[in-house]
Amino acid sequence: MLAEDSIYALRLATEPADLLGAQRLRYRVFVQELGAEGPLVDHAAGIERDEFDPLFDHLVLVDTRIPPETGDHVVGAYRLLPSDRVGSQGRFYSQGEFDLAPLRAGGRKLLELGRTCVHPDHRGGAAMFLLWNGLAEYVLERGIEVLFGAASFHGTDPQALAMPLAWLHHHHLAPPEMRVRAIGPDRAEMNLIASDALSRAQAMAAMPALIKAYLRLGGFVGDGAFVDRAFNTTDVCLLMDTAKMSAKHRDFYIRKQAAP
């Protein structure tokens, strides 16, 4: 589909060039900017990939001025995995970090989100809004009821992130029926500061933009964070129940007009 801004096109990757472009963008953002590493990272080719890529849909935002054969035409990407593709025995990516049993037991249509990234030259403009609109269409077309996925803070020291993590714990903890839990030895507690000692201004200043966007839409987080040393991040599991969005949130989420 054509995006609202004439330099962009938004589509699900169906050609090898689009998937390669998404993986090259992910390398630039996650490896070069954030210091990630992984067993399938290809430094020579400049590609960040993993064993889950063939299972996911890849929503890509393309700069139509850049030829696809360069591999650099993808300037925004979202990785999407609907639960009907996973089945009852399959594995979601974030199961390595979080116990998803409460979500899977609910029998609702789930969508795992991940590897969200925008090229630095395209941040602060229409790109993220266009990706959001594309995600909204994907969700509405498939009747998705719950969105979830790991969202990251840069760095692996939870104490340095105490204010925003504690704010999420005290103000945005998911209801019990959706409350996934961080697992394993890399679990980190989020209740690091008492509620009455928190500063909303400080917490929001340290909160990644993507997490703030989900919170504005009525999103929640699971119990505990996960320290992902390979990706040089501290992850929380974001969740959003599309049925419980307020009318205001729903209007924002499904709007078709991209805002600059």
Protein backbone atom coordinates (compact mmCIF):
# COMPACT_ATOMS: atom_id res chain seq x y z
CA MET A 1 0.00 0.00 0.00
CA LEU A 2 1.08 3.57 -0.53
CA ALA A 3 1.67 5.54 2.63
CA GLU A 4 0.36 9.05 3.19
CA ASP A 5 3.76 10.59 2.66
CA SER A 6 4.67 10.27 -1.00
CA ILE A 7 8.25 9.11 -0.38
CA TYR A 8 7.05 6.03 1.53
CA ALA A 9 5.37 2.74 0.74
CA LEU A 10 4.17 0.39 3.47
CA ARG A 11 3.74 -3.35 2.91
CA LEU A 12 4.25 -6.83 4.27
CA ALA A 13 7.54 -8.23 3.02
CA THR A 14 6.87 -10.80 0.34
CA GLU A 15 10.08 -10.45 -1.66
CA PRO A 16 13.54 -11.49 -0.43
CA ALA A 17 14.79 -7.93 -0.96
CA ASP A 18 12.30 -6.58 1.60
CA LEU A 19 13.25 -9.12 4.27
CA LEU A 20 16.92 -8.46 3.61
CA GLY A 21 16.26 -4.74 3.88
CA ALA A 22 14.55 -5.24 7.25
CA GLN A 23 17.45 -7.33 8.52
CA ARG A 24 19.95 -4.70 7.36
CA LEU A 25 17.97 -1.98 9.13
CA ARG A 26 17.87 -4.10 12.27
CA TYR A 27 21.66 -4.50 12.09
CA ARG A 28 22.11 -0.74 11.90
CA VAL A 29 19.77 -0.05 14.83
CA PHE A 30 20.24 -3.00 17.17
CA VAL A 31 23.86 -3.98 16.49
CA GLN A 32 25.56 -0.74 15.49
CA GLU A 33 23.55 1.66 17.67
CA LEU A 34 22.66 -0.50 20.67
CA GLY A 35 25.48 -3.05 20.74
CA ALA A 36 23.43 -6.22 20.21
CA GLU A 37 24.93 -9.57 19.27
CA GLY A 38 23.50 -12.96 18.38
CA PRO A 39 24.40 -16.32 16.83
CA LEU A 40 23.00 -15.41 13.39
CA VAL A 41 24.26 -11.82 13.25
CA ASP A 42 26.30 -11.44 10.07
CA HIS A 43 28.76 -8.58 10.52
CA ALA A 44 30.26 -8.98 7.06
CA ALA A 45 26.87 -8.58 5.35
CA GLY A 46 25.50 -6.18 7.96
CA ILE A 47 22.48 -8.36 8.82
CA GLU A 48 20.68 -9.00 12.13
CA ARG A 49 18.54 -12.12 11.91
CA ASP A 50 17.43 -15.08 13.99
CA GLU A 51 15.71 -18.43 13.66
CA PHE A 52 12.25 -16.85 14.10
CA ASP A 53 12.40 -14.66 10.99
CA PRO A 54 10.86 -17.27 8.64
CA LEU A 55 7.82 -17.62 10.94
CA PHE A 56 7.04 -13.91 11.37
CA ASP A 57 5.38 -11.45 9.04
CA HIS A 58 7.57 -8.41 8.44
CA LEU A 59 5.82 -5.06 8.05
CA VAL A 60 8.24 -2.78 6.23
CA LEU A 61 8.24 0.92 5.52
CA VAL A 62 10.10 1.57 2.28
CA ASP A 63 11.74 4.76 1.04
CA THR A 64 10.66 4.63 -2.59
CA ARG A 65 13.59 6.81 -3.66
CA ILE A 66 16.06 4.01 -2.81
CA PRO A 67 16.32 1.04 -5.20
CA PRO A 68 15.48 -2.29 -3.49
CA GLU A 69 18.58 -3.95 -4.94
CA THR A 70 20.73 -1.78 -2.63
CA GLY A 71 19.25 -3.51 0.41
CA ASP A 72 18.87 -0.12 2.09
CA HIS A 73 15.34 0.79 1.00
CA VAL A 74 13.64 -0.38 4.22
CA VAL A 75 13.60 2.50 6.71
CA GLY A 76 11.12 1.11 9.23
CA ALA A 77 10.16 -2.39 10.30
CA TYR A 78 7.85 -4.35 12.62
CA ARG A 79 8.00 -8.10 13.17
CA LEU A 80 4.56 -9.71 13.67
CA LEU A 81 3.60 -13.22 14.74
CA PRO A 82 -0.11 -14.15 15.10
CA SER A 83 -0.89 -16.94 17.54
CA ASP A 84 -2.75 -19.07 14.99
CA ARG A 85 0.57 -19.52 13.21
CA VAL A 86 2.23 -20.72 16.41
CA GLY A 87 -0.46 -23.16 17.53
CA SER A 88 -0.78 -24.67 20.98
CA GLN A 89 2.67 -26.25 20.99
CA GLY A 90 4.68 -23.61 19.13
CA ARG A 91 7.03 -21.10 20.65
CA PHE A 92 6.88 -17.34 20.64
CA TYR A 93 10.13 -15.40 20.56
CA SER A 94 9.51 -13.76 23.95
CA GLN A 95 9.02 -17.11 25.69
CA GLY A 96 12.76 -17.09 26.21
CA GLU A 97 12.28 -14.14 28.56
CA PHE A 98 8.71 -14.34 29.89
CA ASP A 99 6.25 -16.96 31.06
CA LEU A 100 3.35 -16.44 28.65
CA ALA A 101 1.06 -19.03 30.26
CA PRO A 102 -1.62 -16.51 31.33
CA LEU A 103 -1.94 -15.25 27.75
CA ARG A 104 -1.92 -18.66 26.12
CA ALA A 105 -4.46 -20.03 28.58
CA GLY A 106 -6.96 -17.32 27.69
CA GLY A 107 -7.66 -18.71 24.24
CA ARG A 108 -7.73 -15.25 22.68
CA LYS A 109 -6.18 -14.19 19.36
CA LEU A 110 -2.68 -12.97 20.17
CA LEU A 111 -0.12 -11.04 18.16
CA GLU A 112 3.52 -10.93 19.20
CA LEU A 113 5.36 -7.76 18.19
CA GLY A 114 9.11 -7.35 17.99
CA ARG A 115 12.21 -5.91 16.35
CA THR A 116 10.50 -2.53 15.92
CA CYS A 117 12.95 -0.04 14.45
CA VAL A 118 13.19 3.12 12.34
CA HIS A 119 16.24 4.37 10.47
CA PRO A 120 17.78 7.35 12.31
CA ASP A 121 17.29 9.60 9.27
CA HIS A 122 13.53 8.97 9.41
CA ARG A 123 12.84 9.40 13.11
CA GLY A 124 10.75 12.24 14.43
CA GLY A 125 8.57 12.43 11.32
CA ALA A 126 5.80 10.36 9.78
CA ALA A 127 7.59 7.00 9.74
CA MET A 128 6.50 5.65 13.13
CA PHE A 129 2.93 6.82 12.65
CA LEU A 130 2.80 5.06 9.29
CA LEU A 131 4.05 1.85 10.89
CA TRP A 132 1.41 2.21 13.62
CA ASN A 133 -1.31 2.62 10.99
CA GLY A 134 -0.07 -0.45 9.15
CA LEU A 135 -0.07 -2.42 12.39
CA ALA A 136 -3.63 -1.23 13.10
CA GLU A 137 -4.83 -2.51 9.74
CA TYR A 138 -3.10 -5.85 10.32
CA VAL A 139 -4.77 -6.18 13.75
CA LEU A 140 -8.24 -5.22 12.53
CA GLU A 141 -8.13 -7.50 9.48
CA ARG A 142 -7.20 -10.52 11.62
CA GLY A 143 -9.38 -9.86 14.66
CA ILE A 144 -6.40 -9.70 17.02
CA GLU A 145 -7.46 -9.34 20.65
CA VAL A 146 -4.18 -8.98 22.53
CA LEU A 147 -0.88 -7.45 21.42
CA PHE A 148 2.28 -8.30 23.33
CA GLY A 149 6.03 -8.33 23.02
CA ALA A 150 9.32 -7.39 24.60
CA ALA A 151 10.15 -3.69 24.63
CA SER A 152 13.61 -2.54 25.56
CA PHE A 153 15.49 -0.05 27.65
CA HIS A 154 19.08 0.44 26.54
CA GLY A 155 21.59 -1.03 28.98
CA THR A 156 21.73 -3.99 31.34
CA ASP A 157 21.79 -2.31 34.78
CA PRO A 158 18.25 -2.32 36.25
CA GLN A 159 19.35 -0.04 39.08
CA ALA A 160 20.18 2.65 36.53
CA LEU A 161 16.62 2.24 35.22
CA ALA A 162 14.99 2.12 38.66
CA MET A 163 12.73 5.16 38.19
CA PRO A 164 11.02 4.16 34.93
CA LEU A 165 10.86 0.45 35.88
CA ALA A 166 9.29 1.24 39.23
CA TRP A 167 6.85 3.64 37.59
CA LEU A 168 5.73 0.88 35.23
CA HIS A 169 5.38 -1.55 38.13
CA HIS A 170 3.29 0.78 40.29
CA HIS A 171 1.16 2.41 37.58
CA HIS A 172 0.94 0.09 34.57
CA LEU A 173 1.06 -3.50 35.84
CA ALA A 174 -1.13 -5.82 33.77
CA PRO A 175 -4.26 -7.32 35.34
CA PRO A 176 -3.76 -10.83 36.79
CA GLU A 177 -5.30 -12.64 33.83
CA MET A 178 -2.72 -11.04 31.49
CA ARG A 179 0.23 -10.77 33.87
CA VAL A 180 3.10 -12.58 32.24
CA ARG A 181 6.28 -12.91 34.32
CA ALA A 182 9.95 -12.48 33.53
CA ILE A 183 11.74 -15.78 34.10
CA GLY A 184 15.13 -17.30 34.73
CA PRO A 185 18.35 -16.01 36.29
CA ASP A 186 18.21 -12.83 34.19
CA ARG A 187 14.91 -11.74 35.72
CA ALA A 188 15.11 -8.32 37.40
CA GLU A 189 12.59 -6.90 39.85
CA MET A 190 10.89 -3.66 38.83
CA ASN A 191 9.63 -2.62 42.27
CA LEU A 192 12.87 -0.79 43.02
CA ILE A 193 11.46 2.47 44.38
CA ALA A 194 8.47 2.98 46.68
CA SER A 195 5.41 4.44 44.99
CA ASP A 196 5.43 7.61 47.09
CA ALA A 197 9.07 8.30 46.17
CA LEU A 198 8.51 8.23 42.42
CA SER A 199 8.76 11.21 40.08
CA ARG A 200 6.54 10.97 37.03
CA ALA A 201 8.63 13.56 35.21
CA GLN A 202 11.85 11.64 35.80
CA ALA A 203 10.25 8.32 34.91
CA MET A 204 8.83 9.64 31.64
CA ALA A 205 12.09 11.35 30.71
CA ALA A 206 13.86 7.97 30.95
CA MET A 207 11.08 6.01 29.22
CA PRO A 208 11.71 4.93 25.60
CA ALA A 209 9.37 6.56 23.11
CA LEU A 210 7.88 3.25 21.96
CA ILE A 211 6.95 2.25 25.50
CA LYS A 212 5.36 5.65 26.12
CA ALA A 213 3.33 5.25 22.93
CA TYR A 214 1.91 1.93 24.12
CA LEU A 215 1.11 3.37 27.53
CA ARG A 216 -0.84 6.21 25.90
CA LEU A 217 -2.91 3.57 24.12
CA GLY A 218 -3.76 1.88 27.41
CA GLY A 219 -0.96 -0.67 27.44
CA PHE A 220 0.30 -2.63 30.45
CA VAL A 221 3.51 -4.41 31.40
CA GLY A 222 4.14 -7.83 32.87
CA ASP A 223 5.71 -8.64 36.23
CA GLY A 224 9.46 -8.14 36.26
CA ALA A 225 12.02 -7.23 33.62
CA PHE A 226 14.50 -9.39 31.75
CA VAL A 227 18.16 -8.43 31.33
CA ASP A 228 19.05 -9.36 27.75
CA ARG A 229 22.84 -9.21 27.78
CA ALA A 230 23.20 -10.36 24.16
CA PHE A 231 21.10 -7.40 23.02
CA ASN A 232 22.48 -5.00 25.64
CA THR A 233 18.97 -4.20 26.85
CA THR A 234 16.62 -4.54 29.79
CA ASP A 235 13.26 -5.76 28.50
CA VAL A 236 9.71 -5.44 29.77
CA CYS A 237 6.78 -7.30 28.27
CA LEU A 238 4.24 -4.84 26.93
CA LEU A 239 0.64 -5.97 26.55
CA MET A 240 -2.42 -4.33 25.10
CA ASP A 241 -6.00 -5.63 25.17
CA THR A 242 -7.65 -4.16 22.09
CA ALA A 243 -11.14 -4.77 23.56
CA LYS A 244 -10.40 -2.65 26.62
CA MET A 245 -9.09 0.42 24.85
CA SER A 246 -11.05 3.55 25.64
CA ALA A 247 -12.82 5.19 22.71
CA LYS A 248 -10.15 7.89 22.72
CA HIS A 249 -7.35 5.34 22.56
CA ARG A 250 -9.11 3.33 19.86
CA ASP A 251 -9.63 6.41 17.69
CA PHE A 252 -5.95 7.23 17.97
CA TYR A 253 -4.91 3.70 17.22
CA ILE A 254 -7.02 3.06 14.13
CA ARG A 255 -6.80 6.48 12.50
CA LYS A 256 -5.79 6.37 8.88
CA GLN A 257 -4.24 9.80 8.62
CA ALA A 258 -0.55 9.88 9.42
CA ALA A 259 0.48 12.78 11.61
CA PRO A 260 3.80 14.55 11.06
